[in-house]
Amino acid sequence: MPGRLVRTRTAERVTELLGSREGRNHLAAYGWVQGMPVIMTVPTEPVNDVMGLVSMHGRSVLVAMLDAGTDELNFLHVSMPNPALQSVDLEKDTDQIHELFVRTQNRGSVTFRVKYWDSCAVAHPIPAFNAVPDTLRHGQRLNP
């Protein structure tokens, strides 16, 4: 049941972000397009299971996860598997999705392959969206 609650909170946060023009613009700057599927996940979910859901869509997707420590909404943009990419080792059955998030945050783009795919795909992190206060949008500075 805890996984369901986290997914629900993640879905609420994603809906809130996609409901704002600024949020959509932020995601679009990193590859999101209107109608792109968003997969909700929990940090401990196996990478292979998450990518099994990604496979069902037949196109690039966003994977959304709430960071367990900070409660920050994180996204990965995941491409479709592509035979032109250099092959890498399979993700282990024990690898969890939060580990892929960490690898992308440390390296930028990460080429990876899961057991369901003959080819590799690329995941890249989308920086967290932090709304800018209205007072800063208009060129004003806040006093420290």
N, C-alpha and C. Protein backbone atom coordinates (compact mmCIF):
# COMPACT_ATOMS: atom_id res chain seq x y z
N MET A 1 0.80 -1.20 0.00
CA MET A 1 0.00 0.00 0.00
C MET A 1 0.85 1.27 0.00
N PRO A 2 2.02 1.32 0.67
CA PRO A 2 2.82 2.54 0.65
C PRO A 2 3.20 2.97 -0.76
N GLY A 3 3.50 2.01 -1.66
CA GLY A 3 3.84 2.34 -3.04
C GLY A 3 2.70 3.06 -3.74
N ARG A 4 1.48 2.63 -3.47
CA ARG A 4 0.32 3.26 -4.09
C ARG A 4 0.18 4.70 -3.62
N LEU A 5 0.40 4.94 -2.33
CA LEU A 5 0.30 6.31 -1.80
C LEU A 5 1.37 7.21 -2.41
N VAL A 6 2.58 6.70 -2.55
CA VAL A 6 3.65 7.50 -3.15
C VAL A 6 3.33 7.80 -4.61
N ARG A 7 2.83 6.81 -5.33
CA ARG A 7 2.46 7.04 -6.73
C ARG A 7 1.36 8.10 -6.81
N THR A 8 0.41 8.05 -5.90
CA THR A 8 -0.67 9.03 -5.90
C THR A 8 -0.12 10.43 -5.65
N ARG A 9 0.77 10.56 -4.68
CA ARG A 9 1.38 11.87 -4.40
C ARG A 9 2.20 12.33 -5.59
N THR A 10 2.91 11.40 -6.21
CA THR A 10 3.69 11.74 -7.40
C THR A 10 2.76 12.23 -8.50
N ALA A 11 1.66 11.51 -8.74
CA ALA A 11 0.69 11.89 -9.77
C ALA A 11 0.11 13.27 -9.49
N GLU A 12 -0.19 13.56 -8.24
CA GLU A 12 -0.72 14.88 -7.89
C GLU A 12 0.29 15.97 -8.20
N ARG A 13 1.54 15.73 -7.87
CA ARG A 13 2.60 16.72 -8.13
C ARG A 13 2.83 16.91 -9.63
N VAL A 14 2.81 15.81 -10.38
CA VAL A 14 2.97 15.90 -11.84
C VAL A 14 1.82 16.69 -12.44
N THR A 15 0.60 16.39 -12.01
CA THR A 15 -0.57 17.09 -12.51
C THR A 15 -0.48 18.59 -12.21
N GLU A 16 -0.03 18.92 -11.02
CA GLU A 16 0.14 20.33 -10.64
C GLU A 16 1.17 21.01 -11.55
N LEU A 17 2.28 20.35 -11.79
CA LEU A 17 3.33 20.92 -12.63
C LEU A 17 2.85 21.08 -14.07
N LEU A 18 2.22 20.05 -14.62
CA LEU A 18 1.72 20.13 -15.99
C LEU A 18 0.55 21.10 -16.12
N GLY A 19 -0.08 21.42 -15.01
CA GLY A 19 -1.19 22.37 -15.01
C GLY A 19 -0.75 23.82 -15.06
N SER A 20 0.55 24.05 -14.93
CA SER A 20 1.04 25.43 -14.98
C SER A 20 1.84 25.65 -16.27
N ARG A 21 1.66 26.83 -16.84
CA ARG A 21 2.39 27.18 -18.06
C ARG A 21 3.90 27.11 -17.83
N GLU A 22 4.34 27.63 -16.67
CA GLU A 22 5.76 27.62 -16.36
C GLU A 22 6.30 26.20 -16.25
N GLY A 23 5.53 25.32 -15.62
CA GLY A 23 5.94 23.93 -15.49
C GLY A 23 6.05 23.24 -16.84
N ARG A 24 5.06 23.46 -17.70
CA ARG A 24 5.10 22.86 -19.05
C ARG A 24 6.29 23.41 -19.84
N ASN A 25 6.55 24.71 -19.72
CA ASN A 25 7.69 25.30 -20.43
C ASN A 25 9.00 24.71 -19.94
N HIS A 26 9.09 24.52 -18.62
CA HIS A 26 10.30 23.92 -18.05
C HIS A 26 10.52 22.52 -18.60
N LEU A 27 9.50 21.68 -18.56
CA LEU A 27 9.64 20.31 -19.05
C LEU A 27 9.91 20.28 -20.56
N ALA A 28 9.26 21.17 -21.30
CA ALA A 28 9.45 21.22 -22.76
C ALA A 28 10.90 21.55 -23.12
N ALA A 29 11.55 22.35 -22.29
CA ALA A 29 12.95 22.69 -22.55
C ALA A 29 13.86 21.46 -22.47
N TYR A 30 13.38 20.37 -21.89
CA TYR A 30 14.16 19.15 -21.73
C TYR A 30 13.57 17.96 -22.47
N GLY A 31 12.70 18.22 -23.45
CA GLY A 31 12.23 17.16 -24.32
C GLY A 31 10.78 16.74 -24.17
N TRP A 32 10.07 17.25 -23.18
CA TRP A 32 8.67 16.89 -23.02
C TRP A 32 7.85 17.54 -24.12
N VAL A 33 6.86 16.82 -24.63
CA VAL A 33 5.90 17.37 -25.58
C VAL A 33 4.50 17.03 -25.09
N GLN A 34 3.55 17.85 -25.49
CA GLN A 34 2.15 17.63 -25.11
C GLN A 34 1.74 16.21 -25.46
N GLY A 35 1.12 15.51 -24.53
CA GLY A 35 0.66 14.15 -24.75
C GLY A 35 1.69 13.07 -24.46
N MET A 36 2.91 13.47 -24.09
CA MET A 36 3.95 12.47 -23.79
C MET A 36 3.55 11.70 -22.53
N PRO A 37 3.67 10.39 -22.56
CA PRO A 37 3.34 9.61 -21.37
C PRO A 37 4.29 9.93 -20.20
N VAL A 38 3.73 9.89 -19.01
CA VAL A 38 4.51 10.06 -17.79
C VAL A 38 4.27 8.82 -16.93
N ILE A 39 5.35 8.11 -16.61
CA ILE A 39 5.29 6.91 -15.79
C ILE A 39 5.59 7.31 -14.35
N MET A 40 4.69 7.00 -13.44
CA MET A 40 4.89 7.28 -12.01
C MET A 40 5.58 6.08 -11.39
N THR A 41 6.59 6.35 -10.58
CA THR A 41 7.32 5.25 -9.97
C THR A 41 7.66 5.60 -8.52
N VAL A 42 8.08 4.59 -7.79
CA VAL A 42 8.58 4.78 -6.43
C VAL A 42 10.07 4.44 -6.45
N PRO A 43 10.87 5.05 -5.58
CA PRO A 43 12.32 4.88 -5.63
C PRO A 43 12.80 3.44 -5.60
N THR A 44 12.09 2.57 -4.92
CA THR A 44 12.56 1.18 -4.76
C THR A 44 12.09 0.24 -5.86
N GLU A 45 11.36 0.75 -6.83
CA GLU A 45 10.86 -0.11 -7.90
C GLU A 45 12.02 -0.56 -8.80
N PRO A 46 12.04 -1.83 -9.21
CA PRO A 46 13.11 -2.30 -10.09
C PRO A 46 13.10 -1.57 -11.44
N VAL A 47 14.29 -1.22 -11.93
CA VAL A 47 14.43 -0.54 -13.22
C VAL A 47 13.76 -1.36 -14.31
N ASN A 48 13.96 -2.67 -14.30
CA ASN A 48 13.37 -3.52 -15.33
C ASN A 48 11.84 -3.41 -15.34
N ASP A 49 11.22 -3.33 -14.18
CA ASP A 49 9.76 -3.21 -14.11
C ASP A 49 9.29 -1.86 -14.66
N VAL A 50 9.99 -0.80 -14.27
CA VAL A 50 9.61 0.54 -14.76
C VAL A 50 9.75 0.60 -16.27
N MET A 51 10.83 0.06 -16.80
CA MET A 51 11.05 0.11 -18.24
C MET A 51 10.09 -0.82 -18.99
N GLY A 52 9.59 -1.84 -18.32
CA GLY A 52 8.52 -2.64 -18.91
C GLY A 52 7.30 -1.78 -19.18
N LEU A 53 6.98 -0.88 -18.24
CA LEU A 53 5.87 0.06 -18.45
C LEU A 53 6.19 1.06 -19.55
N VAL A 54 7.45 1.51 -19.59
CA VAL A 54 7.88 2.43 -20.65
C VAL A 54 7.66 1.78 -22.01
N SER A 55 8.00 0.50 -22.12
CA SER A 55 7.88 -0.23 -23.39
C SER A 55 6.46 -0.24 -23.94
N MET A 56 5.49 -0.23 -23.06
CA MET A 56 4.09 -0.30 -23.48
C MET A 56 3.67 0.91 -24.32
N HIS A 57 4.40 2.02 -24.21
CA HIS A 57 3.99 3.25 -24.89
C HIS A 57 4.58 3.41 -26.29
N GLY A 58 5.67 2.70 -26.58
CA GLY A 58 6.21 2.74 -27.93
C GLY A 58 6.76 4.09 -28.35
N ARG A 59 7.14 4.90 -27.40
CA ARG A 59 7.69 6.23 -27.69
C ARG A 59 8.46 6.72 -26.47
N SER A 60 9.15 7.84 -26.61
CA SER A 60 9.85 8.42 -25.47
C SER A 60 8.86 8.80 -24.39
N VAL A 61 9.30 8.71 -23.14
CA VAL A 61 8.43 9.01 -22.00
C VAL A 61 9.20 9.80 -20.95
N LEU A 62 8.46 10.34 -20.01
CA LEU A 62 9.05 10.87 -18.78
C LEU A 62 8.76 9.86 -17.68
N VAL A 63 9.75 9.66 -16.82
CA VAL A 63 9.56 8.85 -15.62
C VAL A 63 9.63 9.81 -14.45
N ALA A 64 8.60 9.81 -13.61
CA ALA A 64 8.52 10.73 -12.47
C ALA A 64 8.68 9.95 -11.18
N MET A 65 9.42 10.56 -10.24
CA MET A 65 9.66 9.92 -8.94
C MET A 65 9.83 11.02 -7.89
N LEU A 66 9.22 10.82 -6.73
CA LEU A 66 9.47 11.70 -5.59
C LEU A 66 10.70 11.20 -4.87
N ASP A 67 11.66 12.09 -4.63
CA ASP A 67 12.86 11.73 -3.87
C ASP A 67 12.44 11.42 -2.45
N ALA A 68 12.84 10.26 -1.96
CA ALA A 68 12.43 9.82 -0.62
C ALA A 68 12.96 10.73 0.48
N GLY A 69 14.12 11.32 0.29
CA GLY A 69 14.72 12.15 1.32
C GLY A 69 14.25 13.59 1.30
N THR A 70 14.08 14.15 0.09
CA THR A 70 13.77 15.58 -0.03
C THR A 70 12.33 15.86 -0.43
N ASP A 71 11.61 14.84 -0.89
CA ASP A 71 10.25 14.98 -1.40
C ASP A 71 10.22 15.83 -2.67
N GLU A 72 11.37 15.96 -3.34
CA GLU A 72 11.46 16.72 -4.58
C GLU A 72 10.99 15.85 -5.74
N LEU A 73 10.23 16.46 -6.63
CA LEU A 73 9.74 15.75 -7.81
C LEU A 73 10.85 15.71 -8.85
N ASN A 74 11.26 14.51 -9.24
CA ASN A 74 12.33 14.31 -10.21
C ASN A 74 11.78 13.64 -11.46
N PHE A 75 12.39 13.98 -12.59
CA PHE A 75 12.00 13.39 -13.87
C PHE A 75 13.22 12.88 -14.62
N LEU A 76 13.02 11.79 -15.35
CA LEU A 76 13.95 11.33 -16.36
C LEU A 76 13.23 11.36 -17.69
N HIS A 77 13.92 11.80 -18.72
CA HIS A 77 13.43 11.66 -20.09
C HIS A 77 14.08 10.39 -20.61
N VAL A 78 13.27 9.43 -21.05
CA VAL A 78 13.78 8.14 -21.52
C VAL A 78 13.41 7.98 -22.99
N SER A 79 14.44 7.75 -23.81
CA SER A 79 14.23 7.55 -25.25
C SER A 79 13.75 6.13 -25.52
N MET A 80 13.34 5.92 -26.73
CA MET A 80 13.04 4.57 -27.18
C MET A 80 14.35 3.82 -27.39
N PRO A 81 14.36 2.49 -27.20
CA PRO A 81 15.56 1.73 -27.53
C PRO A 81 15.94 1.95 -29.00
N ASN A 82 17.25 2.01 -29.23
CA ASN A 82 17.73 2.34 -30.57
C ASN A 82 18.93 1.45 -30.90
N PRO A 83 18.85 0.65 -31.97
CA PRO A 83 19.96 -0.24 -32.30
C PRO A 83 21.24 0.49 -32.70
N ALA A 84 21.16 1.78 -32.99
CA ALA A 84 22.36 2.54 -33.35
C ALA A 84 23.23 2.86 -32.14
N LEU A 85 22.67 2.72 -30.93
CA LEU A 85 23.44 3.02 -29.72
C LEU A 85 24.39 1.88 -29.41
N GLN A 86 25.55 2.24 -28.87
CA GLN A 86 26.52 1.23 -28.45
C GLN A 86 25.91 0.39 -27.34
N SER A 87 26.08 -0.92 -27.43
CA SER A 87 25.49 -1.82 -26.45
C SER A 87 26.21 -1.72 -25.10
N VAL A 88 25.44 -1.82 -24.05
CA VAL A 88 25.98 -1.84 -22.69
C VAL A 88 25.39 -3.05 -21.97
N ASP A 89 25.94 -3.36 -20.81
CA ASP A 89 25.44 -4.48 -20.02
C ASP A 89 24.00 -4.23 -19.58
N LEU A 90 23.28 -5.33 -19.40
CA LEU A 90 21.91 -5.25 -18.90
C LEU A 90 21.88 -4.71 -17.46
N GLU A 91 20.83 -3.99 -17.14
CA GLU A 91 20.58 -3.62 -15.75
C GLU A 91 20.31 -4.91 -14.99
N LYS A 92 20.75 -4.98 -13.76
CA LYS A 92 20.50 -6.17 -12.94
C LYS A 92 19.04 -6.16 -12.45
N ASP A 93 18.52 -7.35 -12.19
CA ASP A 93 17.15 -7.44 -11.66
C ASP A 93 17.01 -6.71 -10.32
N THR A 94 18.11 -6.57 -9.61
CA THR A 94 18.08 -5.92 -8.29
C THR A 94 18.26 -4.40 -8.37
N ASP A 95 18.59 -3.86 -9.55
CA ASP A 95 18.78 -2.41 -9.68
C ASP A 95 17.44 -1.69 -9.54
N GLN A 96 17.44 -0.65 -8.73
CA GLN A 96 16.21 0.11 -8.48
C GLN A 96 16.23 1.41 -9.27
N ILE A 97 15.05 1.93 -9.55
CA ILE A 97 14.92 3.11 -10.40
C ILE A 97 15.65 4.32 -9.80
N HIS A 98 15.68 4.44 -8.49
CA HIS A 98 16.37 5.61 -7.91
C HIS A 98 17.86 5.57 -8.25
N GLU A 99 18.41 4.39 -8.47
CA GLU A 99 19.82 4.27 -8.85
C GLU A 99 20.06 4.83 -10.25
N LEU A 100 19.10 4.62 -11.16
CA LEU A 100 19.21 5.20 -12.49
C LEU A 100 19.09 6.72 -12.41
N PHE A 101 18.21 7.21 -11.56
CA PHE A 101 18.09 8.66 -11.36
C PHE A 101 19.42 9.23 -10.87
N VAL A 102 20.06 8.57 -9.91
CA VAL A 102 21.34 9.05 -9.37
C VAL A 102 22.41 9.04 -10.46
N ARG A 103 22.47 7.96 -11.24
CA ARG A 103 23.47 7.89 -12.32
C ARG A 103 23.29 9.01 -13.32
N THR A 104 22.06 9.32 -13.68
CA THR A 104 21.84 10.40 -14.65
C THR A 104 22.18 11.76 -14.04
N GLN A 105 21.89 11.94 -12.76
CA GLN A 105 22.23 13.21 -12.11
C GLN A 105 23.75 13.39 -12.02
N ASN A 106 24.47 12.30 -11.86
CA ASN A 106 25.93 12.38 -11.76
C ASN A 106 26.61 12.51 -13.12
N ARG A 107 26.04 11.88 -14.15
CA ARG A 107 26.70 11.81 -15.46
C ARG A 107 26.03 12.61 -16.55
N GLY A 108 24.80 13.04 -16.34
CA GLY A 108 24.03 13.62 -17.44
C GLY A 108 23.31 12.49 -18.15
N SER A 109 23.51 12.35 -19.43
CA SER A 109 22.88 11.26 -20.19
C SER A 109 23.52 9.92 -19.83
N VAL A 110 22.67 8.89 -19.75
CA VAL A 110 23.13 7.55 -19.45
C VAL A 110 22.52 6.59 -20.47
N THR A 111 23.39 5.80 -21.10
CA THR A 111 22.92 4.74 -21.99
C THR A 111 22.73 3.50 -21.13
N PHE A 112 21.59 2.84 -21.28
CA PHE A 112 21.29 1.67 -20.46
C PHE A 112 20.45 0.69 -21.27
N ARG A 113 20.35 -0.53 -20.77
CA ARG A 113 19.53 -1.55 -21.42
C ARG A 113 18.90 -2.43 -20.36
N VAL A 114 17.64 -2.74 -20.55
CA VAL A 114 16.94 -3.62 -19.62
C VAL A 114 16.63 -4.94 -20.32
N LYS A 115 16.25 -5.92 -19.53
CA LYS A 115 16.09 -7.28 -20.06
C LYS A 115 15.00 -7.40 -21.12
N TYR A 116 14.10 -6.45 -21.22
CA TYR A 116 13.02 -6.52 -22.20
C TYR A 116 13.44 -6.02 -23.57
N TRP A 117 14.60 -5.36 -23.65
CA TRP A 117 15.00 -4.67 -24.87
C TRP A 117 16.21 -5.32 -25.52
N ASP A 118 16.20 -5.40 -26.85
CA ASP A 118 17.36 -5.87 -27.60
C ASP A 118 18.39 -4.75 -27.75
N SER A 119 17.94 -3.51 -27.69
CA SER A 119 18.81 -2.35 -27.88
C SER A 119 18.83 -1.50 -26.62
N CYS A 120 19.75 -0.57 -26.61
CA CYS A 120 19.88 0.37 -25.48
C CYS A 120 19.00 1.59 -25.70
N ALA A 121 18.77 2.30 -24.63
CA ALA A 121 18.06 3.58 -24.65
C ALA A 121 18.90 4.59 -23.89
N VAL A 122 18.49 5.84 -23.96
CA VAL A 122 19.20 6.90 -23.26
C VAL A 122 18.23 7.56 -22.28
N ALA A 123 18.72 7.80 -21.07
CA ALA A 123 17.95 8.54 -20.07
C ALA A 123 18.75 9.78 -19.71
N HIS A 124 18.06 10.89 -19.59
CA HIS A 124 18.73 12.09 -19.10
C HIS A 124 17.84 12.76 -18.07
N PRO A 125 18.47 13.37 -17.06
CA PRO A 125 17.68 14.00 -15.99
C PRO A 125 17.10 15.33 -16.44
N ILE A 126 15.98 15.65 -15.87
CA ILE A 126 15.39 16.98 -16.06
C ILE A 126 15.58 17.70 -14.73
N PRO A 127 16.25 18.84 -14.75
CA PRO A 127 16.45 19.56 -13.49
C PRO A 127 15.12 19.85 -12.79
N ALA A 128 15.15 19.87 -11.48
CA ALA A 128 13.94 20.14 -10.70
C ALA A 128 13.40 21.52 -11.05
N PHE A 129 12.10 21.62 -11.10
CA PHE A 129 11.44 22.89 -11.37
C PHE A 129 11.25 23.62 -10.06
N ASN A 130 11.78 24.80 -9.99
CA ASN A 130 11.60 25.66 -8.82
C ASN A 130 10.99 26.96 -9.30
N ALA A 131 9.75 27.19 -8.93
CA ALA A 131 9.07 28.41 -9.36
C ALA A 131 9.80 29.63 -8.82
N VAL A 132 9.93 30.61 -9.66
CA VAL A 132 10.58 31.86 -9.27
C VAL A 132 9.51 32.78 -8.67
N PRO A 133 9.76 33.35 -7.50
CA PRO A 133 8.77 34.26 -6.90
C PRO A 133 8.46 35.41 -7.85
N ASP A 134 7.21 35.87 -7.84
CA ASP A 134 6.77 36.97 -8.70
C ASP A 134 7.67 38.20 -8.56
N THR A 135 8.17 38.46 -7.36
CA THR A 135 8.98 39.66 -7.17
C THR A 135 10.29 39.57 -7.94
N LEU A 136 10.76 38.36 -8.25
CA LEU A 136 11.99 38.22 -9.01
C LEU A 136 11.74 38.19 -10.51
N ARG A 137 10.53 37.83 -10.93
CA ARG A 137 10.21 37.74 -12.35
C ARG A 137 10.29 39.09 -13.04
N HIS A 138 10.01 40.13 -12.32
CA HIS A 138 9.96 41.46 -12.92
C HIS A 138 11.25 42.22 -12.69
N GLY A 139 12.35 41.52 -12.47
CA GLY A 139 13.64 42.17 -12.34
C GLY A 139 13.91 42.79 -10.99
N GLN A 140 13.03 42.60 -10.03
CA GLN A 140 13.24 43.16 -8.72
C GLN A 140 14.07 42.20 -7.89
N ARG A 141 14.80 42.69 -6.95
CA ARG A 141 15.59 41.85 -6.07
C ARG A 141 15.00 41.90 -4.67
N LEU A 142 15.05 40.75 -4.02
CA LEU A 142 14.61 40.70 -2.64
C LEU A 142 15.76 41.14 -1.75
N ASN A 143 15.46 41.83 -0.69
CA ASN A 143 16.51 42.20 0.28
C ASN A 143 16.90 40.96 1.06
N PRO A 144 18.23 40.74 1.24
CA PRO A 144 18.68 39.54 1.97
C PRO A 144 18.31 39.59 3.43
